[in-house]
PDB file of N, CA and C in Angstrom:
ATOM      1  N   MET A   1      21.472  33.742 -22.337  1.00  0.00           N
ATOM      2  CA  MET A   1      21.229  35.216 -23.373  1.00  0.00           C
ATOM      3  C   MET A   1      20.241  35.740 -23.077  1.00  0.00           C
ATOM      4  N   GLY A   2      19.175  35.270 -22.034  1.00  0.00           N
ATOM      5  CA  GLY A   2      17.551  35.726 -22.038  1.00  0.00           C
ATOM      6  C   GLY A   2      18.001  36.925 -21.270  1.00  0.00           C
ATOM      7  N   LEU A   3      18.622  37.084 -20.322  1.00  0.00           N
ATOM      8  CA  LEU A   3      18.966  38.277 -18.818  1.00  0.00           C
ATOM      9  C   LEU A   3      18.543  39.302 -20.713  1.00  0.00           C
ATOM     10  N   GLN A   4      20.070  39.206 -21.204  1.00  0.00           N
ATOM     11  CA  GLN A   4      20.434  40.381 -21.927  1.00  0.00           C
ATOM     12  C   GLN A   4      20.236  41.190 -22.365  1.00  0.00           C
ATOM     13  N   ARG A   5      19.193  40.483 -23.287  1.00  0.00           N
ATOM     14  CA  ARG A   5      18.137  40.608 -24.409  1.00  0.00           C
ATOM     15  C   ARG A   5      16.839  41.241 -23.368  1.00  0.00           C
ATOM     16  N   LYS A   6      16.055  40.449 -22.653  1.00  0.00           N
ATOM     17  CA  LYS A   6      15.839  41.557 -21.916  1.00  0.00           C
ATOM     18  C   LYS A   6      16.296  43.314 -20.711  1.00  0.00           C
ATOM     19  N   TYR A   7      17.519  42.804 -20.475  1.00  0.00           N
ATOM     20  CA  TYR A   7      17.222  44.527 -19.734  1.00  0.00           C
ATOM     21  C   TYR A   7      17.913  44.854 -21.165  1.00  0.00           C
ATOM     22  N   TYR A   8      18.251  45.506 -22.104  1.00  0.00           N
ATOM     23  CA  TYR A   8      18.229  45.492 -23.681  1.00  0.00           C
ATOM     24  C   TYR A   8      16.827  46.191 -24.023  1.00  0.00           C
ATOM     25  N   THR A   9      15.609  45.170 -24.061  1.00  0.00           N
ATOM     26  CA  THR A   9      14.210  45.707 -23.901  1.00  0.00           C
ATOM     27  C   THR A   9      14.036  46.698 -22.823  1.00  0.00           C
ATOM     28  N   ASN A  10      13.825  46.752 -21.816  1.00  0.00           N
ATOM     29  CA  ASN A  10      13.384  47.352 -21.124  1.00  0.00           C
ATOM     30  C   ASN A  10      14.524  48.960 -20.647  1.00  0.00           C
ATOM     31  N   LEU A  11      15.672  48.682 -21.233  1.00  0.00           N
ATOM     32  CA  LEU A  11      16.352  50.349 -21.716  1.00  0.00           C
ATOM     33  C   LEU A  11      15.557  50.404 -23.613  1.00  0.00           C
ATOM     34  N   SER A  12      15.194  50.384 -23.405  1.00  0.00           N
ATOM     35  CA  SER A  12      14.830  50.906 -24.904  1.00  0.00           C
ATOM     36  C   SER A  12      13.381  51.052 -24.515  1.00  0.00           C
ATOM     37  N   VAL A  13      12.780  50.968 -24.262  1.00  0.00           N
ATOM     38  CA  VAL A  13      11.327  51.000 -23.131  1.00  0.00           C
ATOM     39  C   VAL A  13      11.846  52.391 -22.911  1.00  0.00           C
ATOM     40  N   PHE A  14      12.429  52.155 -21.772  1.00  0.00           N
ATOM     41  CA  PHE A  14      12.829  54.086 -20.995  1.00  0.00           C
ATOM     42  C   PHE A  14      13.731  54.590 -21.679  1.00  0.00           C
ATOM     43  N   GLY A  15      14.126  54.447 -22.508  1.00  0.00           N
ATOM     44  CA  GLY A  15      14.589  55.561 -23.646  1.00  0.00           C
ATOM     45  C   GLY A  15      13.564  56.330 -24.470  1.00  0.00           C
ATOM     46  N   ARG A  16      12.541  55.342 -24.433  1.00  0.00           N
ATOM     47  CA  ARG A  16      11.490  55.562 -25.554  1.00  0.00           C
ATOM     48  C   ARG A  16      10.366  56.379 -24.864  1.00  0.00           C
ATOM     49  N   LYS A  17      10.305  56.333 -23.121  1.00  0.00           N
ATOM     50  CA  LYS A  17       9.404  56.964 -22.718  1.00  0.00           C
ATOM     51  C   LYS A  17       9.775  58.216 -22.168  1.00  0.00           C
ATOM     52  N   ILE A  18      11.343  58.236 -22.256  1.00  0.00           N
ATOM     53  CA  ILE A  18      12.136  60.026 -21.918  1.00  0.00           C
ATOM     54  C   ILE A  18      11.657  60.725 -23.305  1.00  0.00           C
ATOM     55  N   LEU A  19      11.912  60.078 -24.006  1.00  0.00           N
ATOM     56  CA  LEU A  19      11.402  60.367 -25.834  1.00  0.00           C
ATOM     57  C   LEU A  19      10.425  61.603 -25.852  1.00  0.00           C
ATOM     58  N   ARG A  20       8.939  60.930 -25.212  1.00  0.00           N
ATOM     59  CA  ARG A  20       7.946  60.831 -25.056  1.00  0.00           C
ATOM     60  C   ARG A  20       7.595  62.388 -24.162  1.00  0.00           C
ATOM     61  N   LYS A  21       8.561  62.099 -23.444  1.00  0.00           N
ATOM     62  CA  LYS A  21       8.339  63.070 -22.325  1.00  0.00           C
ATOM     63  C   LYS A  21       9.516  64.701 -23.180  1.00  0.00           C
ATOM     64  N   ILE A  22      10.492  63.886 -23.414  1.00  0.00           N
ATOM     65  CA  ILE A  22      11.466  65.126 -24.195  1.00  0.00           C
ATOM     66  C   ILE A  22      10.553  65.785 -24.815  1.00  0.00           C
ATOM     67  N   PHE A  23       9.697  65.209 -26.098  1.00  0.00           N
ATOM     68  CA  PHE A  23       8.932  66.107 -27.254  1.00  0.00           C
ATOM     69  C   PHE A  23       7.978  66.005 -26.927  1.00  0.00           C
ATOM     70  N   GLY A  24       7.215  65.092 -26.255  1.00  0.00           N
ATOM     71  CA  GLY A  24       5.486  65.477 -26.220  1.00  0.00           C
ATOM     72  C   GLY A  24       4.592  65.324 -27.459  1.00  0.00           C
ATOM     73  N   PRO A  25       3.458  65.494 -27.549  1.00  0.00           N
ATOM     74  CA  PRO A  25       2.138  65.176 -28.289  1.00  0.00           C
ATOM     75  C   PRO A  25       2.913  66.169 -29.780  1.00  0.00           C
ATOM     76  N   THR A  26       1.778  65.005 -30.021  1.00  0.00           N
ATOM     77  CA  THR A  26       2.114  66.573 -31.997  1.00  0.00           C
ATOM     78  C   THR A  26       1.055  66.581 -32.209  1.00  0.00           C
ATOM     79  N   LYS A  27       1.094  67.842 -32.186  1.00  0.00           N
ATOM     80  CA  LYS A  27      -0.728  68.307 -32.264  1.00  0.00           C
ATOM     81  C   LYS A  27      -0.370  68.716 -34.391  1.00  0.00           C
ATOM     82  N   GLU A  28      -2.291  68.795 -34.229  1.00  0.00           N
ATOM     83  CA  GLU A  28      -2.403  68.106 -35.737  1.00  0.00           C
ATOM     84  C   GLU A  28      -3.285  69.522 -36.664  1.00  0.00           C
ATOM     85  N   ALA A  29      -3.258  69.223 -37.497  1.00  0.00           N
ATOM     86  CA  ALA A  29      -4.068  70.433 -37.799  1.00  0.00           C
ATOM     87  C   ALA A  29      -5.645  70.881 -37.380  1.00  0.00           C
ATOM     88  N   ASN A  30      -6.363  70.232 -37.120  1.00  0.00           N
ATOM     89  CA  ASN A  30      -7.478  70.047 -36.346  1.00  0.00           C
ATOM     90  C   ASN A  30      -7.484  70.303 -34.684  1.00  0.00           C
ATOM     91  N   GLY A  31      -6.670  70.674 -34.269  1.00  0.00           N
ATOM     92  CA  GLY A  31      -6.651  70.720 -32.888  1.00  0.00           C
ATOM     93  C   GLY A  31      -6.294  69.325 -32.333  1.00  0.00           C
ATOM     94  N   ILE A  32      -6.065  68.518 -32.369  1.00  0.00           N
ATOM     95  CA  ILE A  32      -6.451  67.407 -31.779  1.00  0.00           C
ATOM     96  C   ILE A  32      -4.822  67.402 -31.528  1.00  0.00           C
ATOM     97  N   ARG A  33      -4.159  66.291 -30.501  1.00  0.00           N
ATOM     98  CA  ARG A  33      -2.739  66.222 -30.028  1.00  0.00           C
ATOM     99  C   ARG A  33      -2.625  64.676 -30.091  1.00  0.00           C
ATOM    100  N   ARG A  34      -1.662  63.942 -30.057  1.00  0.00           N
ATOM    101  CA  ARG A  34      -1.366  62.484 -30.377  1.00  0.00           C
ATOM    102  C   ARG A  34      -0.660  62.346 -29.581  1.00  0.00           C
ATOM    103  N   ILE A  35      -0.198  60.804 -29.085  1.00  0.00           N
ATOM    104  CA  ILE A  35       1.265  60.594 -29.074  1.00  0.00           C
ATOM    105  C   ILE A  35       2.001  61.154 -30.376  1.00  0.00           C
ATOM    106  N   LYS A  36       3.173  60.978 -30.701  1.00  0.00           N
ATOM    107  CA  LYS A  36       4.153  60.560 -31.385  1.00  0.00           C
ATOM    108  C   LYS A  36       4.205  59.132 -31.346  1.00  0.00           C
ATOM    109  N   THR A  37       4.628  58.080 -32.748  1.00  0.00           N
ATOM    110  CA  THR A  37       5.101  56.874 -33.061  1.00  0.00           C
ATOM    111  C   THR A  37       6.537  56.448 -33.533  1.00  0.00           C
ATOM    112  N   ASN A  38       6.575  55.221 -32.548  1.00  0.00           N
ATOM    113  CA  ASN A  38       8.712  55.089 -32.595  1.00  0.00           C
ATOM    114  C   ASN A  38       8.954  55.609 -34.117  1.00  0.00           C
ATOM    115  N   VAL A  39       8.139  55.349 -35.159  1.00  0.00           N
ATOM    116  CA  VAL A  39       8.596  55.640 -36.961  1.00  0.00           C
ATOM    117  C   VAL A  39       9.318  57.784 -36.703  1.00  0.00           C
ATOM    118  N   GLU A  40       8.309  58.985 -35.724  1.00  0.00           N
ATOM    119  CA  GLU A  40       8.219  59.757 -35.819  1.00  0.00           C
ATOM    120  C   GLU A  40       9.414  59.790 -35.158  1.00  0.00           C
ATOM    121  N   PHE A  41       9.880  59.771 -33.817  1.00  0.00           N
ATOM    122  CA  PHE A  41      10.745  59.346 -33.811  1.00  0.00           C
ATOM    123  C   PHE A  41      11.897  58.592 -33.725  1.00  0.00           C
ATOM    124  N   ASN A  42      11.742  57.640 -34.301  1.00  0.00           N
ATOM    125  CA  ASN A  42      13.815  57.040 -35.315  1.00  0.00           C
ATOM    126  C   ASN A  42      14.019  58.673 -36.377  1.00  0.00           C
ATOM    127  N   GLU A  43      12.530  58.934 -36.703  1.00  0.00           N
ATOM    128  CA  GLU A  43      12.694  60.347 -37.512  1.00  0.00           C
ATOM    129  C   GLU A  43      14.070  62.016 -37.003  1.00  0.00           C
ATOM    130  N   LEU A  44      13.190  61.665 -35.556  1.00  0.00           N
ATOM    131  CA  LEU A  44      14.025  63.100 -34.460  1.00  0.00           C
ATOM    132  C   LEU A  44      15.176  62.387 -34.295  1.00  0.00           C
ATOM    133  N   ILE A  45      15.459  61.445 -33.545  1.00  0.00           N
ATOM    134  CA  ILE A  45      17.383  61.365 -33.559  1.00  0.00           C
ATOM    135  C   ILE A  45      17.951  61.007 -34.644  1.00  0.00           C
ATOM    136  N   LYS A  46      17.381  60.248 -35.391  1.00  0.00           N
ATOM    137  CA  LYS A  46      18.244  60.233 -36.704  1.00  0.00           C
ATOM    138  C   LYS A  46      18.315  58.801 -36.767  1.00  0.00           C
ATOM    139  N   HIS A  47      17.252  57.771 -36.389  1.00  0.00           N
ATOM    140  CA  HIS A  47      18.146  56.111 -35.988  1.00  0.00           C
ATOM    141  C   HIS A  47      18.852  56.169 -35.216  1.00  0.00           C
ATOM    142  N   ARG A  48      19.684  56.800 -34.489  1.00  0.00           N
ATOM    143  CA  ARG A  48      19.930  57.336 -32.909  1.00  0.00           C
ATOM    144  C   ARG A  48      19.724  55.664 -31.735  1.00  0.00           C
ATOM    145  N   ASN A  49      20.553  55.168 -31.417  1.00  0.00           N
ATOM    146  CA  ASN A  49      19.207  54.172 -29.711  1.00  0.00           C
ATOM    147  C   ASN A  49      20.077  54.282 -28.715  1.00  0.00           C
ATOM    148  N   ILE A  50      19.472  54.428 -27.794  1.00  0.00           N
ATOM    149  CA  ILE A  50      20.106  54.558 -26.831  1.00  0.00           C
ATOM    150  C   ILE A  50      21.561  52.825 -26.905  1.00  0.00           C
ATOM    151  N   ILE A  51      20.498  52.107 -26.759  1.00  0.00           N
ATOM    152  CA  ILE A  51      21.281  50.222 -26.470  1.00  0.00           C
ATOM    153  C   ILE A  51      22.655  50.668 -27.460  1.00  0.00           C
ATOM    154  N   ASN A  52      23.147  51.225 -28.764  1.00  0.00           N
ATOM    155  CA  ASN A  52      24.315  51.445 -28.909  1.00  0.00           C
ATOM    156  C   ASN A  52      24.970  52.327 -27.970  1.00  0.00           C
ATOM    157  N   TYR A  53      24.930  53.589 -27.846  1.00  0.00           N
ATOM    158  CA  TYR A  53      25.123  54.505 -26.998  1.00  0.00           C
ATOM    159  C   TYR A  53      25.902  53.729 -25.795  1.00  0.00           C
ATOM    160  N   VAL A  54      24.892  53.194 -25.390  1.00  0.00           N
ATOM    161  CA  VAL A  54      25.727  52.593 -23.944  1.00  0.00           C
ATOM    162  C   VAL A  54      27.095  51.879 -23.986  1.00  0.00           C
ATOM    163  N   LYS A  55      26.353  50.848 -24.895  1.00  0.00           N
ATOM    164  CA  LYS A  55      27.638  49.705 -26.156  1.00  0.00           C
ATOM    165  C   LYS A  55      28.753  50.848 -26.134  1.00  0.00           C
ATOM    166  N   ALA A  56      28.632  51.607 -27.051  1.00  0.00           N
ATOM    167  CA  ALA A  56      29.991  52.303 -27.379  1.00  0.00           C
ATOM    168  C   ALA A  56      30.195  52.950 -25.625  1.00  0.00           C
ATOM    169  N   GLN A  57      29.805  53.425 -24.500  1.00  0.00           N
ATOM    170  CA  GLN A  57      30.193  54.189 -23.626  1.00  0.00           C
ATOM    171  C   GLN A  57      31.332  53.620 -23.097  1.00  0.00           C
ATOM    172  N   ARG A  58      30.717  51.768 -22.932  1.00  0.00           N
ATOM    173  CA  ARG A  58      30.931  50.448 -22.394  1.00  0.00           C
ATOM    174  C   ARG A  58      32.825  50.928 -22.937  1.00  0.00           C
ATOM    175  N   LEU A  59      32.731  50.665 -23.998  1.00  0.00           N
ATOM    176  CA  LEU A  59      34.466  50.318 -24.877  1.00  0.00           C
ATOM    177  C   LEU A  59      35.089  51.250 -24.803  1.00  0.00           C
ATOM    178  N   ASN A  60      34.336  52.361 -24.866  1.00  0.00           N
ATOM    179  CA  ASN A  60      35.307  53.865 -23.905  1.00  0.00           C
ATOM    180  C   ASN A  60      36.109  54.043 -22.888  1.00  0.00           C
ATOM    181  N   TRP A  61      34.830  53.301 -21.952  1.00  0.00           N
ATOM    182  CA  TRP A  61      35.279  53.458 -21.065  1.00  0.00           C
ATOM    183  C   TRP A  61      36.729  51.958 -20.247  1.00  0.00           C
ATOM    184  N   PHE A  62      36.736  51.455 -20.829  1.00  0.00           N
ATOM    185  CA  PHE A  62      37.038  50.027 -21.697  1.00  0.00           C
ATOM    186  C   PHE A  62      38.340  50.420 -21.601  1.00  0.00           C
ATOM    187  N   GLY A  63      38.254  51.045 -22.642  1.00  0.00           N
ATOM    188  CA  GLY A  63      39.822  51.363 -23.820  1.00  0.00           C
ATOM    189  C   GLY A  63      40.391  52.428 -22.911  1.00  0.00           C
ATOM    190  N   HIS A  64      40.163  53.488 -22.421  1.00  0.00           N
ATOM    191  CA  HIS A  64      39.721  54.418 -20.413  1.00  0.00           C
ATOM    192  C   HIS A  64      41.003  53.721 -20.011  1.00  0.00           C
ATOM    193  N   THR A  65      40.648  52.763 -18.809  1.00  0.00           N
ATOM    194  CA  THR A  65      41.067  52.023 -18.283  1.00  0.00           C
ATOM    195  C   THR A  65      42.142  51.093 -18.305  1.00  0.00           C
ATOM    196  N   ASN A  66      42.179  50.032 -19.760  1.00  0.00           N
ATOM    197  CA  ASN A  66      43.196  50.460 -20.231  1.00  0.00           C
ATOM    198  C   ASN A  66      44.958  50.568 -20.812  1.00  0.00           C
ATOM    199  N   ARG A  67      44.638  51.249 -20.585  1.00  0.00           N
ATOM    200  CA  ARG A  67      45.522  53.344 -20.931  1.00  0.00           C
ATOM    201  C   ARG A  67      46.351  53.483 -19.654  1.00  0.00           C
ATOM    202  N   THR A  68      45.565  53.398 -18.843  1.00  0.00           N
ATOM    203  CA  THR A  68      45.616  54.070 -17.503  1.00  0.00           C
ATOM    204  C   THR A  68      46.854  53.168 -16.843  1.00  0.00           C
ATOM    205  N   PRO A  69      48.151  53.642 -16.126  1.00  0.00           N
ATOM    206  CA  PRO A  69      48.745  53.326 -16.060  1.00  0.00           C
ATOM    207  C   PRO A  69      48.897  51.524 -14.544  1.00  0.00           C
ATOM    208  N   GLU A  70      50.100  50.960 -14.589  1.00  0.00           N
ATOM    209  CA  GLU A  70      49.125  49.943 -13.393  1.00  0.00           C
ATOM    210  C   GLU A  70      49.291  50.331 -12.086  1.00  0.00           C
ATOM    211  N   THR A  71      50.070  51.538 -12.001  1.00  0.00           N
ATOM    212  CA  THR A  71      49.735  51.694 -10.509  1.00  0.00           C
ATOM    213  C   THR A  71      47.864  52.434 -10.027  1.00  0.00           C
ATOM    214  N   SER A  72      47.142  52.597 -11.886  1.00  0.00           N
ATOM    215  CA  SER A  72      46.179  52.919 -10.501  1.00  0.00           C
ATOM    216  C   SER A  72      45.493  52.737 -10.399  1.00  0.00           C
ATOM    217  N   THR A  73      44.129  52.660  -9.528  1.00  0.00           N
ATOM    218  CA  THR A  73      43.074  51.598  -8.799  1.00  0.00           C
ATOM    219  C   THR A  73      42.349  51.573  -9.893  1.00  0.00           C
ATOM    220  N   VAL A  74      41.909  52.386  -9.898  1.00  0.00           N
ATOM    221  CA  VAL A  74      40.831  50.962 -11.212  1.00  0.00           C
ATOM    222  C   VAL A  74      40.788  50.079 -11.771  1.00  0.00           C
ATOM    223  N   LYS A  75      42.669  50.083 -13.014  1.00  0.00           N
ATOM    224  CA  LYS A  75      43.125  49.437 -12.959  1.00  0.00           C
ATOM    225  C   LYS A  75      43.897  48.014 -11.807  1.00  0.00           C
ATOM    226  N   ARG A  76      44.180  48.562 -11.336  1.00  0.00           N
ATOM    227  CA  ARG A  76      43.785  47.615  -9.849  1.00  0.00           C
ATOM    228  C   ARG A  76      42.497  46.795  -9.861  1.00  0.00           C
ATOM    229  N   ILE A  77      42.206  47.459  -9.598  1.00  0.00           N
ATOM    230  CA  ILE A  77      40.136  46.533  -8.490  1.00  0.00           C
ATOM    231  C   ILE A  77      39.855  45.756 -10.247  1.00  0.00           C
ATOM    232  N   ASN A  78      39.960  46.758 -11.474  1.00  0.00           N
ATOM    233  CA  ASN A  78      39.440  45.675 -12.426  1.00  0.00           C
ATOM    234  C   ASN A  78      40.880  44.500 -12.798  1.00  0.00           C
ATOM    235  N   LYS A  79      41.732  44.171 -12.615  1.00  0.00           N
ATOM    236  CA  LYS A  79      42.466  43.237 -12.838  1.00  0.00           C
ATOM    237  C   LYS A  79      42.642  42.156 -11.338  1.00  0.00           C
ATOM    238  N   TRP A  80      42.177  42.425 -10.296  1.00  0.00           N
ATOM    239  CA  TRP A  80      42.315  42.140  -9.007  1.00  0.00           C
ATOM    240  C   TRP A  80      41.198  41.068  -9.064  1.00  0.00           C
ATOM    241  N   LYS A  81      41.771  39.438  -8.400  1.00  0.00           N
ATOM    242  CA  LYS A  81      41.418  37.816  -9.092  1.00  0.00           C
ATOM    243  C   LYS A  81      40.774  37.506  -6.735  1.00  0.00           C
ATOM    244  N   PRO A  82      39.374  37.970  -6.760  1.00  0.00           N
ATOM    245  CA  PRO A  82      39.228  37.222  -5.415  1.00  0.00           C
ATOM    246  C   PRO A  82      40.206  35.034  -5.547  1.00  0.00           C
ATOM    247  N   PHE A  83      40.851  35.411  -4.185  1.00  0.00           N
ATOM    248  CA  PHE A  83      41.055  34.682  -3.286  1.00  0.00           C
ATOM    249  C   PHE A  83      40.088  33.131  -3.535  1.00  0.00           C
ATOM    250  N   THR A  84      38.856  33.353  -2.589  1.00  0.00           N
ATOM    251  CA  THR A  84      37.497  32.454  -3.858  1.00  0.00           C
ATOM    252  C   THR A  84      37.335  32.029  -4.112  1.00  0.00           C
ATOM    253  N   GLY A  85      36.789  30.833  -4.429  1.00  0.00           N
ATOM    254  CA  GLY A  85      35.848  30.169  -6.385  1.00  0.00           C
ATOM    255  C   GLY A  85      34.754  31.352  -5.676  1.00  0.00           C
ATOM    256  N   ARG A  86      34.782  30.961  -6.934  1.00  0.00           N
ATOM    257  CA  ARG A  86      32.761  31.953  -6.954  1.00  0.00           C
ATOM    258  C   ARG A  86      31.568  30.525  -6.897  1.00  0.00           C
ATOM    259  N   PRO A  87      30.118  30.838  -5.779  1.00  0.00           N
ATOM    260  CA  PRO A  87      29.085  30.406  -5.732  1.00  0.00           C
ATOM    261  C   PRO A  87      28.944  29.250  -6.531  1.00  0.00           C
ATOM    262  N   ALA A  88      28.738  28.477  -5.816  1.00  0.00           N
ATOM    263  CA  ALA A  88      27.520  27.144  -7.025  1.00  0.00           C
ATOM    264  C   ALA A  88      26.960  27.766  -7.049  1.00  0.00           C
ATOM    265  N   GLY A  89      25.992  27.462  -8.913  1.00  0.00           N
ATOM    266  CA  GLY A  89      25.276  27.796  -9.852  1.00  0.00           C
ATOM    267  C   GLY A  89      24.960  28.161 -10.839  1.00  0.00           C
ATOM    268  N   ARG A  90      25.139  29.519 -11.485  1.00  0.00           N
ATOM    269  CA  ARG A  90      25.290  30.650 -12.470  1.00  0.00           C
ATOM    270  C   ARG A  90      25.418  31.574 -11.885  1.00  0.00           C
ATOM    271  N   PRO A  91      27.276  31.750 -12.681  1.00  0.00           N
ATOM    272  CA  PRO A  91      27.322  32.533 -11.570  1.00  0.00           C
ATOM    273  C   PRO A  91      26.842  33.796 -12.334  1.00  0.00           C
ATOM    274  N   LYS A  92      26.520  35.415 -11.407  1.00  0.00           N
ATOM    275  CA  LYS A  92      26.433  36.259 -12.079  1.00  0.00           C
ATOM    276  C   LYS A  92      26.993  36.978 -12.577  1.00  0.00           C
ATOM    277  N   SER A  93      26.460  38.005 -14.080  1.00  0.00           N
ATOM    278  CA  SER A  93      27.179  38.802 -14.470  1.00  0.00           C
ATOM    279  C   SER A  93      28.383  39.678 -14.475  1.00  0.00           C
ATOM    280  N   ARG A  94      28.998  39.905 -14.897  1.00  0.00           N
ATOM    281  CA  ARG A  94      30.464  41.086 -14.435  1.00  0.00           C
ATOM    282  C   ARG A  94      30.601  42.027 -15.426  1.00  0.00           C
ATOM    283  N   TRP A  95      30.575  43.142 -14.585  1.00  0.00           N
ATOM    284  CA  TRP A  95      30.827  43.955 -15.519  1.00  0.00           C
ATOM    285  C   TRP A  95      32.015  43.715 -17.496  1.00  0.00           C
ATOM    286  N   ASP A  96      32.971  43.577 -16.979  1.00  0.00           N
ATOM    287  CA  ASP A  96      33.582  42.814 -17.860  1.00  0.00           C
ATOM    288  C   ASP A  96      33.256  41.442 -18.954  1.00  0.00           C
ATOM    289  N   ASP A  97      32.068  40.691 -18.338  1.00  0.00           N
ATOM    290  CA  ASP A  97      31.131  39.865 -19.006  1.00  0.00           C
ATOM    291  C   ASP A  97      30.922  40.675 -20.257  1.00  0.00           C
ATOM    292  N   GLY A  98      30.468  41.473 -19.726  1.00  0.00           N
ATOM    293  CA  GLY A  98      29.828  42.315 -20.573  1.00  0.00           C
ATOM    294  C   GLY A  98      30.051  43.131 -22.264  1.00  0.00           C
ATOM    295  N   VAL A  99      30.540  43.874 -21.276  1.00  0.00           N
ATOM    296  CA  VAL A  99      32.061  44.053 -22.571  1.00  0.00           C
ATOM    297  C   VAL A  99      33.041  43.341 -23.792  1.00  0.00           C
ATOM    298  N   ARG A 100      33.348  41.778 -22.954  1.00  0.00           N
ATOM    299  CA  ARG A 100      33.601  41.118 -24.174  1.00  0.00           C
ATOM    300  C   ARG A 100      32.267  40.446 -25.113  1.00  0.00           C
ATOM    301  N   MET A 101      31.116  40.570 -24.804  1.00  0.00           N
ATOM    302  CA  MET A 101      30.636  40.429 -25.254  1.00  0.00           C
ATOM    303  C   MET A 101      30.033  40.811 -26.544  1.00  0.00           C
ATOM    304  N   ILE A 102      30.304  42.454 -26.285  1.00  0.00           N
ATOM    305  CA  ILE A 102      30.247  43.422 -27.138  1.00  0.00           C
ATOM    306  C   ILE A 102      30.314  43.042 -28.759  1.00  0.00           C
TER     307      ILE A 102
END
C-alpha cells in the first residue's frame, strides 16, 4: 500500500509542477510577482485532480478492452496466463491489480 501512496504523491507533485508552469505567477497590485498557492490552483481547476483523472482513464480502458471481441489482440494479451510461476518474494504489481484496487 505504501508504494501506491508514493506513486500517487509523486503524481500529485508532478501535476502541481505542470500547473505552475501553465498558469505562471500571480502579479500583485504593487507589481510584485508571487507563485500561486495550492488553494488558488484548486479554484482554477475547480477541485479536479490528476489522480482521479488517471483512475477514470484506467477504468475507461478496462471497460473498453472487456467489450472487445475475444479474438482481439489486446484482450488475448490481457487474459494470457504464463506457463511458469512467479518468482519468490513480493510479487510485482500488475496493471490489472491497480484497476482492481480502484
